[in-house]
Amino acid sequence: MQEQMLHQPLKEMQIRKRLRIMVAIDDSDGSFYALNWALDNLVDGIVPTIEPSQEESGLVTLVHVQQPFQHHMYPAGSGGAAVFYASSSIIESVRKSQAENATALLSRALQMCKDKMVVK
């Protein structure tokens, strides 16, 4: 009976080492709280390796999704029948801004993972 109890933490540790965790990231504090919680409570015991094998290591996947910019707009109000299209410079500016925001969010999340020594 005691032997089973001694092997239980080892078995749990082996299962935790193989966990696959996915955390959705956006610009809210809640998503970063969720990532921090996952790193503190689910990733415990996952040791980063240079060449992880699928059988031995866990995996943390960060996901960030953005709605594509709609290049056409319908104005509100009584004369809303016409459709306006954004110029190519506006579209490019919005796409560039979205890419910069996504990079900043994922960089912040990656730094959190590095601080917890989840990635090398």
N, C-alpha and C. Protein backbone atom coordinates (compact mmCIF):
# COMPACT_ATOMS: atom_id res chain seq x y z
N MET A 1 0.83 -1.20 0.00
CA MET A 1 0.00 0.00 0.00
C MET A 1 0.86 1.26 0.00
N GLN A 2 1.88 1.29 0.89
CA GLN A 2 2.76 2.45 0.94
C GLN A 2 3.57 2.58 -0.35
N GLU A 3 3.90 1.45 -0.94
CA GLU A 3 4.65 1.48 -2.19
C GLU A 3 3.84 2.16 -3.28
N GLN A 4 2.54 1.90 -3.32
CA GLN A 4 1.68 2.57 -4.30
C GLN A 4 1.67 4.06 -4.06
N MET A 5 1.62 4.47 -2.81
CA MET A 5 1.58 5.89 -2.47
C MET A 5 2.90 6.57 -2.85
N LEU A 6 4.02 5.85 -2.74
CA LEU A 6 5.30 6.43 -3.12
C LEU A 6 5.41 6.59 -4.63
N HIS A 7 4.82 5.69 -5.40
CA HIS A 7 4.89 5.76 -6.85
C HIS A 7 3.89 6.76 -7.44
N GLN A 8 2.87 7.11 -6.68
CA GLN A 8 1.84 8.03 -7.17
C GLN A 8 2.43 9.39 -7.55
N PRO A 9 3.24 10.05 -6.68
CA PRO A 9 3.80 11.35 -7.11
C PRO A 9 4.69 11.22 -8.34
N LEU A 10 5.43 10.13 -8.45
CA LEU A 10 6.28 9.94 -9.62
C LEU A 10 5.44 9.81 -10.88
N LYS A 11 4.37 9.04 -10.80
CA LYS A 11 3.48 8.88 -11.95
C LYS A 11 2.83 10.21 -12.33
N GLU A 12 2.39 10.96 -11.32
CA GLU A 12 1.78 12.27 -11.59
C GLU A 12 2.80 13.20 -12.25
N MET A 13 4.04 13.15 -11.81
CA MET A 13 5.08 13.98 -12.40
C MET A 13 5.32 13.59 -13.85
N GLN A 14 5.30 12.30 -14.15
CA GLN A 14 5.50 11.85 -15.52
C GLN A 14 4.35 12.33 -16.40
N ILE A 15 3.13 12.28 -15.89
CA ILE A 15 1.98 12.76 -16.67
C ILE A 15 2.11 14.27 -16.90
N ARG A 16 2.48 15.02 -15.86
CA ARG A 16 2.63 16.46 -16.00
C ARG A 16 3.72 16.83 -17.01
N LYS A 17 4.77 16.03 -17.09
CA LYS A 17 5.85 16.33 -18.04
C LYS A 17 5.35 16.25 -19.47
N ARG A 18 4.29 15.49 -19.73
CA ARG A 18 3.79 15.32 -21.09
C ARG A 18 2.57 16.16 -21.39
N LEU A 19 2.19 17.05 -20.50
CA LEU A 19 1.01 17.89 -20.72
C LEU A 19 1.18 18.77 -21.95
N ARG A 20 0.10 18.97 -22.65
CA ARG A 20 0.03 19.92 -23.75
C ARG A 20 -0.93 21.01 -23.30
N ILE A 21 -0.45 22.23 -23.21
CA ILE A 21 -1.25 23.34 -22.67
C ILE A 21 -1.36 24.41 -23.74
N MET A 22 -2.57 24.92 -23.94
CA MET A 22 -2.79 26.01 -24.89
C MET A 22 -3.44 27.17 -24.14
N VAL A 23 -2.87 28.36 -24.29
CA VAL A 23 -3.41 29.54 -23.62
C VAL A 23 -3.65 30.61 -24.68
N ALA A 24 -4.86 31.15 -24.69
CA ALA A 24 -5.21 32.23 -25.61
C ALA A 24 -4.76 33.56 -25.00
N ILE A 25 -4.12 34.38 -25.81
CA ILE A 25 -3.57 35.65 -25.36
C ILE A 25 -4.22 36.79 -26.14
N ASP A 26 -4.68 37.80 -25.42
CA ASP A 26 -5.09 39.06 -26.04
C ASP A 26 -4.52 40.18 -25.17
N ASP A 27 -4.99 41.39 -25.36
CA ASP A 27 -4.39 42.50 -24.61
C ASP A 27 -5.01 42.70 -23.23
N SER A 28 -5.86 41.77 -22.78
CA SER A 28 -6.49 41.92 -21.47
C SER A 28 -5.59 41.37 -20.36
N ASP A 29 -5.78 41.92 -19.17
CA ASP A 29 -5.04 41.40 -18.01
C ASP A 29 -5.46 39.97 -17.70
N GLY A 30 -6.72 39.64 -18.00
CA GLY A 30 -7.23 38.29 -17.73
C GLY A 30 -6.49 37.21 -18.49
N SER A 31 -6.12 37.49 -19.73
CA SER A 31 -5.41 36.46 -20.50
C SER A 31 -4.00 36.24 -19.95
N PHE A 32 -3.35 37.30 -19.49
CA PHE A 32 -2.03 37.13 -18.91
C PHE A 32 -2.10 36.49 -17.53
N TYR A 33 -3.19 36.75 -16.82
CA TYR A 33 -3.41 36.05 -15.55
C TYR A 33 -3.58 34.55 -15.82
N ALA A 34 -4.33 34.21 -16.87
CA ALA A 34 -4.52 32.80 -17.22
C ALA A 34 -3.20 32.14 -17.59
N LEU A 35 -2.36 32.84 -18.34
CA LEU A 35 -1.05 32.29 -18.69
C LEU A 35 -0.21 32.09 -17.43
N ASN A 36 -0.19 33.09 -16.57
CA ASN A 36 0.58 32.98 -15.33
C ASN A 36 0.07 31.82 -14.48
N TRP A 37 -1.24 31.67 -14.38
CA TRP A 37 -1.83 30.56 -13.62
C TRP A 37 -1.41 29.23 -14.22
N ALA A 38 -1.49 29.11 -15.53
CA ALA A 38 -1.11 27.86 -16.19
C ALA A 38 0.36 27.54 -15.95
N LEU A 39 1.22 28.55 -16.03
CA LEU A 39 2.64 28.33 -15.80
C LEU A 39 2.92 27.92 -14.36
N ASP A 40 2.18 28.52 -13.43
CA ASP A 40 2.38 28.19 -12.01
C ASP A 40 1.78 26.85 -11.61
N ASN A 41 0.63 26.49 -12.19
CA ASN A 41 -0.11 25.34 -11.70
C ASN A 41 -0.07 24.11 -12.60
N LEU A 42 0.19 24.28 -13.87
CA LEU A 42 0.15 23.15 -14.79
C LEU A 42 1.52 22.77 -15.32
N VAL A 43 2.42 23.71 -15.38
CA VAL A 43 3.70 23.46 -16.02
C VAL A 43 4.75 23.00 -15.01
N ASP A 44 4.41 22.96 -13.74
CA ASP A 44 5.34 22.54 -12.71
C ASP A 44 5.94 21.18 -13.05
N GLY A 45 7.25 21.13 -13.08
CA GLY A 45 7.92 19.86 -13.35
C GLY A 45 8.33 19.67 -14.79
N ILE A 46 7.91 20.54 -15.70
CA ILE A 46 8.36 20.44 -17.08
C ILE A 46 9.73 21.09 -17.17
N VAL A 47 10.70 20.31 -17.56
CA VAL A 47 12.08 20.79 -17.63
C VAL A 47 12.41 21.06 -19.10
N PRO A 48 12.84 22.28 -19.43
CA PRO A 48 13.20 22.55 -20.82
C PRO A 48 14.44 21.76 -21.20
N THR A 49 14.42 21.24 -22.41
CA THR A 49 15.58 20.50 -22.91
C THR A 49 15.96 21.07 -24.26
N ILE A 50 17.17 20.76 -24.69
CA ILE A 50 17.62 21.26 -25.99
C ILE A 50 16.87 20.58 -27.12
N GLU A 51 16.71 19.26 -27.03
CA GLU A 51 16.00 18.50 -28.05
C GLU A 51 14.90 17.67 -27.39
N PRO A 52 13.74 18.29 -27.12
CA PRO A 52 12.70 17.53 -26.45
C PRO A 52 12.09 16.48 -27.37
N SER A 53 11.79 15.34 -26.79
CA SER A 53 11.08 14.31 -27.54
C SER A 53 9.61 14.40 -27.18
N GLN A 54 8.76 13.93 -28.06
CA GLN A 54 7.33 14.04 -27.83
C GLN A 54 6.88 13.23 -26.62
N GLU A 55 7.59 12.16 -26.31
CA GLU A 55 7.18 11.32 -25.19
C GLU A 55 7.57 11.92 -23.84
N GLU A 56 8.61 12.74 -23.80
CA GLU A 56 9.16 13.14 -22.53
C GLU A 56 8.87 14.58 -22.12
N SER A 57 8.50 15.44 -23.03
CA SER A 57 8.37 16.85 -22.65
C SER A 57 6.95 17.34 -22.83
N GLY A 58 6.64 18.40 -22.07
CA GLY A 58 5.36 19.06 -22.21
C GLY A 58 5.46 20.14 -23.28
N LEU A 59 4.34 20.75 -23.56
CA LEU A 59 4.31 21.78 -24.59
C LEU A 59 3.33 22.86 -24.18
N VAL A 60 3.77 24.10 -24.23
CA VAL A 60 2.90 25.24 -23.99
C VAL A 60 2.75 25.97 -25.31
N THR A 61 1.51 26.12 -25.77
CA THR A 61 1.23 26.81 -27.02
C THR A 61 0.48 28.10 -26.70
N LEU A 62 0.97 29.20 -27.22
CA LEU A 62 0.31 30.49 -27.06
C LEU A 62 -0.44 30.81 -28.35
N VAL A 63 -1.68 31.24 -28.21
CA VAL A 63 -2.51 31.54 -29.37
C VAL A 63 -2.99 32.99 -29.28
N HIS A 64 -2.82 33.71 -30.38
CA HIS A 64 -3.35 35.07 -30.47
C HIS A 64 -4.05 35.21 -31.81
N VAL A 65 -5.31 35.56 -31.77
CA VAL A 65 -6.12 35.66 -32.99
C VAL A 65 -6.65 37.08 -33.09
N GLN A 66 -6.61 37.63 -34.30
CA GLN A 66 -7.16 38.96 -34.55
C GLN A 66 -8.19 38.89 -35.65
N GLN A 67 -9.21 39.71 -35.51
CA GLN A 67 -10.19 39.82 -36.58
C GLN A 67 -9.56 40.61 -37.72
N PRO A 68 -9.69 40.12 -38.95
CA PRO A 68 -9.12 40.87 -40.07
C PRO A 68 -9.80 42.23 -40.23
N PHE A 69 -9.02 43.19 -40.65
CA PHE A 69 -9.55 44.54 -40.87
C PHE A 69 -10.51 44.53 -42.05
N GLN A 70 -11.69 45.08 -41.85
CA GLN A 70 -12.68 45.19 -42.93
C GLN A 70 -12.40 46.49 -43.70
N HIS A 71 -12.11 46.36 -44.97
CA HIS A 71 -11.74 47.53 -45.75
C HIS A 71 -12.94 48.37 -46.20
N HIS A 72 -14.15 47.90 -45.91
CA HIS A 72 -15.32 48.69 -46.26
C HIS A 72 -16.07 49.05 -44.97
N MET A 73 -16.76 50.19 -45.02
CA MET A 73 -17.48 50.68 -43.84
C MET A 73 -18.88 51.13 -44.26
N TYR A 74 -19.83 50.87 -43.37
CA TYR A 74 -21.19 51.34 -43.56
C TYR A 74 -21.44 52.45 -42.55
N PRO A 75 -21.62 53.67 -43.00
CA PRO A 75 -21.82 54.77 -42.05
C PRO A 75 -23.16 54.64 -41.32
N ALA A 76 -23.18 55.06 -40.09
CA ALA A 76 -24.41 55.05 -39.30
C ALA A 76 -25.20 56.32 -39.61
N GLY A 77 -26.46 56.25 -39.37
CA GLY A 77 -27.30 57.43 -39.57
C GLY A 77 -28.29 57.23 -40.70
N SER A 78 -28.97 58.32 -41.04
CA SER A 78 -30.05 58.24 -42.03
C SER A 78 -29.53 58.00 -43.45
N GLY A 79 -28.36 58.45 -43.78
CA GLY A 79 -27.85 58.28 -45.14
C GLY A 79 -26.92 57.08 -45.24
N GLY A 80 -27.19 56.03 -44.52
CA GLY A 80 -26.29 54.89 -44.42
C GLY A 80 -26.34 53.91 -45.57
N ALA A 81 -26.92 54.26 -46.69
CA ALA A 81 -27.03 53.31 -47.79
C ALA A 81 -25.71 53.17 -48.56
N ALA A 82 -24.87 54.17 -48.52
CA ALA A 82 -23.63 54.13 -49.28
C ALA A 82 -22.56 53.33 -48.51
N VAL A 83 -21.67 52.71 -49.26
CA VAL A 83 -20.56 51.96 -48.68
C VAL A 83 -19.29 52.75 -48.96
N PHE A 84 -18.46 52.91 -47.93
CA PHE A 84 -17.19 53.60 -48.08
C PHE A 84 -16.06 52.58 -47.96
N TYR A 85 -15.06 52.75 -48.79
CA TYR A 85 -13.91 51.85 -48.76
C TYR A 85 -12.70 52.61 -48.24
N ALA A 86 -11.94 51.94 -47.38
CA ALA A 86 -10.72 52.54 -46.84
C ALA A 86 -9.65 52.53 -47.93
N SER A 87 -8.81 53.55 -47.91
CA SER A 87 -7.73 53.62 -48.89
C SER A 87 -6.67 52.57 -48.57
N SER A 88 -5.84 52.27 -49.54
CA SER A 88 -4.80 51.25 -49.33
C SER A 88 -3.81 51.67 -48.25
N SER A 89 -3.56 52.96 -48.11
CA SER A 89 -2.64 53.42 -47.06
C SER A 89 -3.23 53.20 -45.66
N ILE A 90 -4.54 53.37 -45.52
CA ILE A 90 -5.20 53.12 -44.23
C ILE A 90 -5.17 51.63 -43.93
N ILE A 91 -5.46 50.81 -44.91
CA ILE A 91 -5.44 49.36 -44.72
C ILE A 91 -4.05 48.90 -44.30
N GLU A 92 -3.02 49.40 -44.99
CA GLU A 92 -1.65 49.02 -44.64
C GLU A 92 -1.27 49.49 -43.25
N SER A 93 -1.71 50.68 -42.88
CA SER A 93 -1.42 51.22 -41.56
C SER A 93 -2.07 50.37 -40.46
N VAL A 94 -3.31 49.98 -40.68
CA VAL A 94 -4.01 49.15 -39.69
C VAL A 94 -3.34 47.77 -39.59
N ARG A 95 -3.00 47.17 -40.71
CA ARG A 95 -2.34 45.86 -40.68
C ARG A 95 -0.99 45.94 -39.97
N LYS A 96 -0.24 46.99 -40.22
CA LYS A 96 1.05 47.17 -39.55
C LYS A 96 0.85 47.31 -38.04
N SER A 97 -0.14 48.09 -37.66
CA SER A 97 -0.43 48.28 -36.24
C SER A 97 -0.86 46.96 -35.58
N GLN A 98 -1.69 46.17 -36.27
CA GLN A 98 -2.09 44.87 -35.74
C GLN A 98 -0.89 43.94 -35.57
N ALA A 99 0.01 43.95 -36.54
CA ALA A 99 1.21 43.10 -36.45
C ALA A 99 2.10 43.53 -35.28
N GLU A 100 2.26 44.83 -35.09
CA GLU A 100 3.07 45.34 -33.98
C GLU A 100 2.44 44.97 -32.64
N ASN A 101 1.11 45.09 -32.54
CA ASN A 101 0.42 44.73 -31.29
C ASN A 101 0.55 43.24 -31.01
N ALA A 102 0.41 42.41 -32.02
CA ALA A 102 0.53 40.96 -31.84
C ALA A 102 1.95 40.59 -31.40
N THR A 103 2.94 41.23 -32.01
CA THR A 103 4.33 40.97 -31.64
C THR A 103 4.58 41.36 -30.19
N ALA A 104 4.06 42.51 -29.77
CA ALA A 104 4.25 42.96 -28.39
C ALA A 104 3.57 42.01 -27.40
N LEU A 105 2.37 41.56 -27.72
CA LEU A 105 1.65 40.65 -26.82
C LEU A 105 2.37 39.31 -26.69
N LEU A 106 2.78 38.75 -27.81
CA LEU A 106 3.46 37.46 -27.77
C LEU A 106 4.85 37.58 -27.14
N SER A 107 5.51 38.71 -27.32
CA SER A 107 6.80 38.92 -26.67
C SER A 107 6.64 38.98 -25.16
N ARG A 108 5.60 39.65 -24.70
CA ARG A 108 5.32 39.72 -23.26
C ARG A 108 5.04 38.32 -22.71
N ALA A 109 4.25 37.54 -23.43
CA ALA A 109 3.93 36.18 -22.99
C ALA A 109 5.18 35.29 -23.01
N LEU A 110 5.99 35.43 -24.03
CA LEU A 110 7.23 34.64 -24.11
C LEU A 110 8.16 34.99 -22.96
N GLN A 111 8.23 36.27 -22.60
CA GLN A 111 9.06 36.68 -21.47
C GLN A 111 8.55 36.06 -20.17
N MET A 112 7.24 35.98 -20.01
CA MET A 112 6.68 35.33 -18.82
C MET A 112 7.12 33.87 -18.77
N CYS A 113 7.09 33.20 -19.92
CA CYS A 113 7.52 31.80 -19.97
C CYS A 113 9.00 31.69 -19.64
N LYS A 114 9.81 32.58 -20.17
CA LYS A 114 11.24 32.56 -19.87
C LYS A 114 11.50 32.80 -18.39
N ASP A 115 10.74 33.74 -17.80
CA ASP A 115 10.90 34.04 -16.37
C ASP A 115 10.60 32.81 -15.51
N LYS A 116 9.66 31.99 -15.98
CA LYS A 116 9.31 30.77 -15.24
C LYS A 116 10.19 29.59 -15.67
N MET A 117 11.15 29.87 -16.54
CA MET A 117 12.09 28.88 -17.06
C MET A 117 11.38 27.73 -17.78
N VAL A 118 10.35 28.09 -18.55
CA VAL A 118 9.63 27.10 -19.34
C VAL A 118 10.28 26.95 -20.71
N VAL A 119 10.90 28.01 -21.22
CA VAL A 119 11.59 27.95 -22.51
C VAL A 119 13.03 28.38 -22.30
N LYS A 120 13.86 27.97 -23.24
CA LYS A 120 15.25 28.40 -23.19
C LYS A 120 15.46 29.55 -24.14
